Amino acid sequence: MAIALMACVAVGFMATAFAQVQGRIVGTLQRHDPKQHRIVLSQDARTGSELGQGAPINLYYDEAKAAADRATRPKLQPGDRLLLNTVTTGNRIEATSVRRLPDTTPGQGWGQYLHGTIGEIVPRTGVLLIDQDQSRIRNRIGFDAQTQVFALDGSPMRFDQLKAGDEVDLAFRMQGRLRTATRIVVLPPPGG
């Protein structure tokens, strides 16, 4: 009986260790390694009061699927902001789809992106409170008349269409010590 119970527990741990977890990742493309079917991506750093690029992560992909999509997908360049749907098995992350985000800004400086969820919009002070993805650290980001808002497909949106709870990826510029959003992309809910 005890051996049977231990065998069930061991099988359960093994099944958990190899379970596939679906998710998505937003980050900046560092490089593409076609020989190893690998994309190297920098996610936003989760360092509290500082925003910047985190350590690079490797995402692998199926070459046959990538070849089929290549004709309809724009060529990706280092510095592009990407949204990747993923499947994680153990410590290996596989990209199942890749979309270039419309807020990619040529020449955008290092560490001037933020991916997260709008916690609050304060129109009278021109401030967005963004809970950074994964860390949930709340960041104060200003907005002004030059702040542009886009849907994932690149179509323009009005600023007043933003609401608390929206998942966003944004580029910002520094004005003194205040980060001010230049472009905001509203991401659909996962699976949407």
C-alpha atoms as a PDB file:
ATOM      1  CA  MET A   1       0.000   0.000   0.000  1.00  0.00           C
ATOM      2  CA  ALA A   2       2.761   2.465   0.961  1.00  0.00           C
ATOM      3  CA  ILE A   3       4.706   1.626  -2.208  1.00  0.00           C
ATOM      4  CA  ALA A   4       1.604   2.202  -4.346  1.00  0.00           C
ATOM      5  CA  LEU A   5       1.013   5.543  -2.635  1.00  0.00           C
ATOM      6  CA  MET A   6       4.636   6.616  -3.171  1.00  0.00           C
ATOM      7  CA  ALA A   7       4.408   5.594  -6.833  1.00  0.00           C
ATOM      8  CA  CYS A   8       1.282   7.734  -7.299  1.00  0.00           C
ATOM      9  CA  VAL A   9       2.995  10.708  -5.643  1.00  0.00           C
ATOM     10  CA  ALA A  10       6.110  10.245  -7.837  1.00  0.00           C
ATOM     11  CA  VAL A  11       4.010  10.036 -11.016  1.00  0.00           C
ATOM     12  CA  GLY A  12       2.139  13.161  -9.919  1.00  0.00           C
ATOM     13  CA  PHE A  13       5.403  15.101  -9.433  1.00  0.00           C
ATOM     14  CA  MET A  14       6.687  13.924 -12.821  1.00  0.00           C
ATOM     15  CA  ALA A  15       3.448  14.968 -14.554  1.00  0.00           C
ATOM     16  CA  THR A  16       3.656  18.373 -12.880  1.00  0.00           C
ATOM     17  CA  ALA A  17       7.314  18.787 -13.869  1.00  0.00           C
ATOM     18  CA  PHE A  18       6.486  18.212 -17.532  1.00  0.00           C
ATOM     19  CA  ALA A  19       3.160  20.043 -17.656  1.00  0.00           C
ATOM     20  CA  GLN A  20       2.838  22.663 -20.357  1.00  0.00           C
ATOM     21  CA  VAL A  21       1.887  26.150 -19.241  1.00  0.00           C
ATOM     22  CA  GLN A  22       0.509  28.606 -21.781  1.00  0.00           C
ATOM     23  CA  GLY A  23       1.290  32.280 -21.419  1.00  0.00           C
ATOM     24  CA  ARG A  24       2.611  35.324 -23.188  1.00  0.00           C
ATOM     25  CA  ILE A  25       5.629  37.532 -22.970  1.00  0.00           C
ATOM     26  CA  VAL A  26       6.233  41.123 -24.035  1.00  0.00           C
ATOM     27  CA  GLY A  27       9.775  42.352 -24.536  1.00  0.00           C
ATOM     28  CA  THR A  28      12.409  43.817 -26.830  1.00  0.00           C
ATOM     29  CA  LEU A  29      14.075  41.646 -29.475  1.00  0.00           C
ATOM     30  CA  GLN A  30      17.828  41.396 -28.910  1.00  0.00           C
ATOM     31  CA  ARG A  31      18.672  38.917 -31.642  1.00  0.00           C
ATOM     32  CA  HIS A  32      17.432  36.014 -33.715  1.00  0.00           C
ATOM     33  CA  ASP A  33      19.460  32.799 -33.957  1.00  0.00           C
ATOM     34  CA  PRO A  34      17.956  30.814 -36.881  1.00  0.00           C
ATOM     35  CA  LYS A  35      20.416  27.904 -36.583  1.00  0.00           C
ATOM     36  CA  GLN A  36      19.161  27.134 -33.089  1.00  0.00           C
ATOM     37  CA  HIS A  37      15.551  28.248 -33.791  1.00  0.00           C
ATOM     38  CA  ARG A  38      15.877  30.772 -30.996  1.00  0.00           C
ATOM     39  CA  ILE A  39      14.749  34.332 -30.278  1.00  0.00           C
ATOM     40  CA  VAL A  40      16.625  36.244 -27.563  1.00  0.00           C
ATOM     41  CA  LEU A  41      14.327  38.722 -25.856  1.00  0.00           C
ATOM     42  CA  SER A  42      14.863  41.313 -23.107  1.00  0.00           C
ATOM     43  CA  GLN A  43      11.949  41.672 -20.764  1.00  0.00           C
ATOM     44  CA  ASP A  44      11.475  44.812 -18.689  1.00  0.00           C
ATOM     45  CA  ALA A  45      13.570  44.758 -15.517  1.00  0.00           C
ATOM     46  CA  ARG A  46      11.713  44.354 -12.259  1.00  0.00           C
ATOM     47  CA  THR A  47      13.887  46.537 -10.068  1.00  0.00           C
ATOM     48  CA  GLY A  48      11.474  48.748  -8.164  1.00  0.00           C
ATOM     49  CA  SER A  49      12.119  52.409  -8.794  1.00  0.00           C
ATOM     50  CA  GLU A  50      14.232  51.847 -11.922  1.00  0.00           C
ATOM     51  CA  LEU A  51      12.838  50.789 -15.268  1.00  0.00           C
ATOM     52  CA  GLY A  52      15.102  49.147 -17.774  1.00  0.00           C
ATOM     53  CA  GLN A  53      15.816  46.027 -19.749  1.00  0.00           C
ATOM     54  CA  GLY A  54      16.066  42.842 -17.732  1.00  0.00           C
ATOM     55  CA  ALA A  55      18.286  39.869 -18.375  1.00  0.00           C
ATOM     56  CA  PRO A  56      17.805  38.250 -21.782  1.00  0.00           C
ATOM     57  CA  ILE A  57      15.687  35.122 -22.070  1.00  0.00           C
ATOM     58  CA  ASN A  58      15.726  32.474 -24.789  1.00  0.00           C
ATOM     59  CA  LEU A  59      12.534  31.504 -26.576  1.00  0.00           C
ATOM     60  CA  TYR A  60      12.568  28.625 -29.034  1.00  0.00           C
ATOM     61  CA  TYR A  61      10.246  28.050 -31.982  1.00  0.00           C
ATOM     62  CA  ASP A  62       9.184  25.377 -34.437  1.00  0.00           C
ATOM     63  CA  GLU A  63      10.981  26.089 -37.742  1.00  0.00           C
ATOM     64  CA  ALA A  64       8.262  24.461 -39.900  1.00  0.00           C
ATOM     65  CA  LYS A  65       5.558  26.711 -38.412  1.00  0.00           C
ATOM     66  CA  ALA A  66       7.839  29.755 -38.630  1.00  0.00           C
ATOM     67  CA  ALA A  67       8.534  29.056 -42.318  1.00  0.00           C
ATOM     68  CA  ALA A  68       4.800  28.908 -43.023  1.00  0.00           C
ATOM     69  CA  ASP A  69       4.222  32.252 -41.234  1.00  0.00           C
ATOM     70  CA  ARG A  70       7.283  34.015 -42.677  1.00  0.00           C
ATOM     71  CA  ALA A  71       5.521  35.196 -45.854  1.00  0.00           C
ATOM     72  CA  THR A  72       2.800  37.040 -43.904  1.00  0.00           C
ATOM     73  CA  ARG A  73       4.908  38.290 -40.967  1.00  0.00           C
ATOM     74  CA  PRO A  74       7.015  41.444 -41.220  1.00  0.00           C
ATOM     75  CA  LYS A  75      10.760  40.918 -40.843  1.00  0.00           C
ATOM     76  CA  LEU A  76      11.749  41.365 -37.224  1.00  0.00           C
ATOM     77  CA  GLN A  77      14.665  43.626 -36.295  1.00  0.00           C
ATOM     78  CA  PRO A  78      16.652  43.985 -33.065  1.00  0.00           C
ATOM     79  CA  GLY A  79      14.927  46.635 -30.960  1.00  0.00           C
ATOM     80  CA  ASP A  80      11.396  45.622 -32.055  1.00  0.00           C
ATOM     81  CA  ARG A  81       8.848  45.311 -29.248  1.00  0.00           C
ATOM     82  CA  LEU A  82       7.203  41.882 -29.472  1.00  0.00           C
ATOM     83  CA  LEU A  83       4.194  40.076 -28.045  1.00  0.00           C
ATOM     84  CA  LEU A  84       4.787  36.309 -28.033  1.00  0.00           C
ATOM     85  CA  ASN A  85       2.277  33.623 -27.116  1.00  0.00           C
ATOM     86  CA  THR A  86       4.233  30.878 -25.390  1.00  0.00           C
ATOM     87  CA  VAL A  87       4.133  27.335 -24.066  1.00  0.00           C
ATOM     88  CA  THR A  88       6.510  26.529 -21.210  1.00  0.00           C
ATOM     89  CA  THR A  89       7.583  22.960 -20.517  1.00  0.00           C
ATOM     90  CA  GLY A  90       9.973  22.684 -17.595  1.00  0.00           C
ATOM     91  CA  ASN A  91      12.414  25.564 -18.097  1.00  0.00           C
ATOM     92  CA  ARG A  92      12.087  25.668 -21.904  1.00  0.00           C
ATOM     93  CA  ILE A  93       9.878  28.413 -23.354  1.00  0.00           C
ATOM     94  CA  GLU A  94       8.570  27.928 -26.886  1.00  0.00           C
ATOM     95  CA  ALA A  95       7.058  30.799 -28.872  1.00  0.00           C
ATOM     96  CA  THR A  96       3.880  29.668 -30.628  1.00  0.00           C
ATOM     97  CA  SER A  97       3.188  33.044 -32.264  1.00  0.00           C
ATOM     98  CA  VAL A  98       5.006  36.362 -32.595  1.00  0.00           C
ATOM     99  CA  ARG A  99       3.509  39.810 -33.183  1.00  0.00           C
ATOM    100  CA  ARG A 100       5.436  43.028 -33.537  1.00  0.00           C
ATOM    101  CA  LEU A 101       3.815  45.733 -31.414  1.00  0.00           C
ATOM    102  CA  PRO A 102       2.899  48.993 -33.139  1.00  0.00           C
ATOM    103  CA  ASP A 103       4.604  51.096 -30.439  1.00  0.00           C
ATOM    104  CA  THR A 104       8.073  50.177 -31.647  1.00  0.00           C
ATOM    105  CA  THR A 105       9.861  53.503 -31.838  1.00  0.00           C
ATOM    106  CA  PRO A 106      13.096  53.577 -33.867  1.00  0.00           C
ATOM    107  CA  GLY A 107      15.872  54.932 -31.713  1.00  0.00           C
ATOM    108  CA  GLN A 108      13.908  54.474 -28.493  1.00  0.00           C
ATOM    109  CA  GLY A 109      16.436  54.526 -25.656  1.00  0.00           C
ATOM    110  CA  TRP A 110      17.375  51.608 -23.457  1.00  0.00           C
ATOM    111  CA  GLY A 111      14.977  51.022 -20.612  1.00  0.00           C
ATOM    112  CA  GLN A 112      12.225  53.294 -21.871  1.00  0.00           C
ATOM    113  CA  TYR A 113       9.431  50.739 -22.158  1.00  0.00           C
ATOM    114  CA  LEU A 114       6.963  49.428 -19.621  1.00  0.00           C
ATOM    115  CA  HIS A 115       4.568  46.488 -19.872  1.00  0.00           C
ATOM    116  CA  GLY A 116       1.834  46.182 -17.273  1.00  0.00           C
ATOM    117  CA  THR A 117      -1.746  46.832 -16.244  1.00  0.00           C
ATOM    118  CA  ILE A 118      -3.345  50.231 -15.699  1.00  0.00           C
ATOM    119  CA  GLY A 119      -4.092  50.486 -11.986  1.00  0.00           C
ATOM    120  CA  GLU A 120      -5.488  54.012 -12.084  1.00  0.00           C
ATOM    121  CA  ILE A 121      -5.844  57.010 -14.410  1.00  0.00           C
ATOM    122  CA  VAL A 122      -5.688  60.446 -12.752  1.00  0.00           C
ATOM    123  CA  PRO A 123      -6.708  62.981 -15.447  1.00  0.00           C
ATOM    124  CA  ARG A 124      -6.427  66.124 -13.283  1.00  0.00           C
ATOM    125  CA  THR A 125      -2.706  65.465 -12.654  1.00  0.00           C
ATOM    126  CA  GLY A 126      -1.965  63.781 -16.001  1.00  0.00           C
ATOM    127  CA  VAL A 127      -0.764  60.546 -14.405  1.00  0.00           C
ATOM    128  CA  LEU A 128      -1.199  56.841 -15.126  1.00  0.00           C
ATOM    129  CA  LEU A 129      -0.396  54.336 -12.383  1.00  0.00           C
ATOM    130  CA  ILE A 130       0.875  51.192 -14.097  1.00  0.00           C
ATOM    131  CA  ASP A 131       1.352  47.897 -12.253  1.00  0.00           C
ATOM    132  CA  GLN A 132       4.404  46.405 -13.955  1.00  0.00           C
ATOM    133  CA  ASP A 133       3.880  42.907 -15.349  1.00  0.00           C
ATOM    134  CA  GLN A 134       5.136  40.045 -13.156  1.00  0.00           C
ATOM    135  CA  SER A 135       6.423  42.266 -10.314  1.00  0.00           C
ATOM    136  CA  ARG A 136       3.233  44.320  -9.853  1.00  0.00           C
ATOM    137  CA  ILE A 137       5.431  47.260  -8.837  1.00  0.00           C
ATOM    138  CA  ARG A 138       3.349  50.402  -9.319  1.00  0.00           C
ATOM    139  CA  ASN A 139       4.950  52.987 -11.628  1.00  0.00           C
ATOM    140  CA  ARG A 140       3.897  56.609 -12.019  1.00  0.00           C
ATOM    141  CA  ILE A 141       3.828  57.544 -15.723  1.00  0.00           C
ATOM    142  CA  GLY A 142       2.724  60.961 -16.947  1.00  0.00           C
ATOM    143  CA  PHE A 143       0.705  61.643 -20.079  1.00  0.00           C
ATOM    144  CA  ASP A 144       0.147  64.761 -22.152  1.00  0.00           C
ATOM    145  CA  ALA A 145      -1.421  65.953 -25.421  1.00  0.00           C
ATOM    146  CA  GLN A 146       1.335  64.231 -27.444  1.00  0.00           C
ATOM    147  CA  THR A 147       0.677  60.782 -25.895  1.00  0.00           C
ATOM    148  CA  GLN A 148      -0.628  58.448 -28.617  1.00  0.00           C
ATOM    149  CA  VAL A 149      -2.773  55.349 -27.981  1.00  0.00           C
ATOM    150  CA  PHE A 150      -3.089  52.367 -30.329  1.00  0.00           C
ATOM    151  CA  ALA A 151      -4.871  49.039 -30.459  1.00  0.00           C
ATOM    152  CA  LEU A 152      -2.747  45.928 -31.056  1.00  0.00           C
ATOM    153  CA  ASP A 153      -3.492  46.084 -34.804  1.00  0.00           C
ATOM    154  CA  GLY A 154      -1.989  49.591 -34.946  1.00  0.00           C
ATOM    155  CA  SER A 155      -5.275  51.449 -35.293  1.00  0.00           C
ATOM    156  CA  PRO A 156      -5.394  54.722 -33.320  1.00  0.00           C
ATOM    157  CA  MET A 157      -7.524  54.981 -30.198  1.00  0.00           C
ATOM    158  CA  ARG A 158      -8.617  57.935 -28.090  1.00  0.00           C
ATOM    159  CA  PHE A 159      -6.935  58.376 -24.724  1.00  0.00           C
ATOM    160  CA  ASP A 160     -10.329  58.399 -22.996  1.00  0.00           C
ATOM    161  CA  GLN A 161     -10.861  54.801 -24.187  1.00  0.00           C
ATOM    162  CA  LEU A 162      -8.210  53.617 -21.693  1.00  0.00           C
ATOM    163  CA  LYS A 163      -9.518  52.198 -18.423  1.00  0.00           C
ATOM    164  CA  ALA A 164      -8.198  50.661 -15.218  1.00  0.00           C
ATOM    165  CA  GLY A 165      -7.452  46.973 -15.772  1.00  0.00           C
ATOM    166  CA  ASP A 166      -6.256  47.380 -19.395  1.00  0.00           C
ATOM    167  CA  GLU A 167      -3.020  45.525 -20.151  1.00  0.00           C
ATOM    168  CA  VAL A 168      -0.688  47.932 -21.956  1.00  0.00           C
ATOM    169  CA  ASP A 169       2.793  48.212 -23.375  1.00  0.00           C
ATOM    170  CA  LEU A 170       4.103  51.750 -23.503  1.00  0.00           C
ATOM    171  CA  ALA A 171       7.121  53.734 -24.580  1.00  0.00           C
ATOM    172  CA  PHE A 172       8.047  56.791 -22.552  1.00  0.00           C
ATOM    173  CA  ARG A 173      10.417  59.746 -22.526  1.00  0.00           C
ATOM    174  CA  MET A 174      12.012  61.384 -19.546  1.00  0.00           C
ATOM    175  CA  GLN A 175      11.021  64.949 -18.630  1.00  0.00           C
ATOM    176  CA  GLY A 176      13.226  65.772 -15.697  1.00  0.00           C
ATOM    177  CA  ARG A 177      12.480  62.976 -13.247  1.00  0.00           C
ATOM    178  CA  LEU A 178       9.001  62.225 -14.615  1.00  0.00           C
ATOM    179  CA  ARG A 179       8.434  59.502 -17.181  1.00  0.00           C
ATOM    180  CA  THR A 180       5.883  60.646 -19.766  1.00  0.00           C
ATOM    181  CA  ALA A 181       4.172  58.139 -22.057  1.00  0.00           C
ATOM    182  CA  THR A 182       4.772  58.766 -25.748  1.00  0.00           C
ATOM    183  CA  ARG A 183       2.921  55.724 -27.131  1.00  0.00           C
ATOM    184  CA  ILE A 184       0.573  53.276 -25.459  1.00  0.00           C
ATOM    185  CA  VAL A 185      -0.548  49.996 -27.034  1.00  0.00           C
ATOM    186  CA  VAL A 186      -3.601  48.318 -25.527  1.00  0.00           C
ATOM    187  CA  LEU A 187      -3.223  44.536 -25.552  1.00  0.00           C
ATOM    188  CA  PRO A 188      -6.215  42.205 -25.785  1.00  0.00           C
ATOM    189  CA  PRO A 189      -6.894  39.813 -22.933  1.00  0.00           C
ATOM    190  CA  PRO A 190      -4.894  36.551 -23.165  1.00  0.00           C
ATOM    191  CA  GLY A 191      -6.509  34.278 -25.720  1.00  0.00           C
ATOM    192  CA  GLY A 192      -8.338  37.274 -27.204  1.00  0.00           C
END
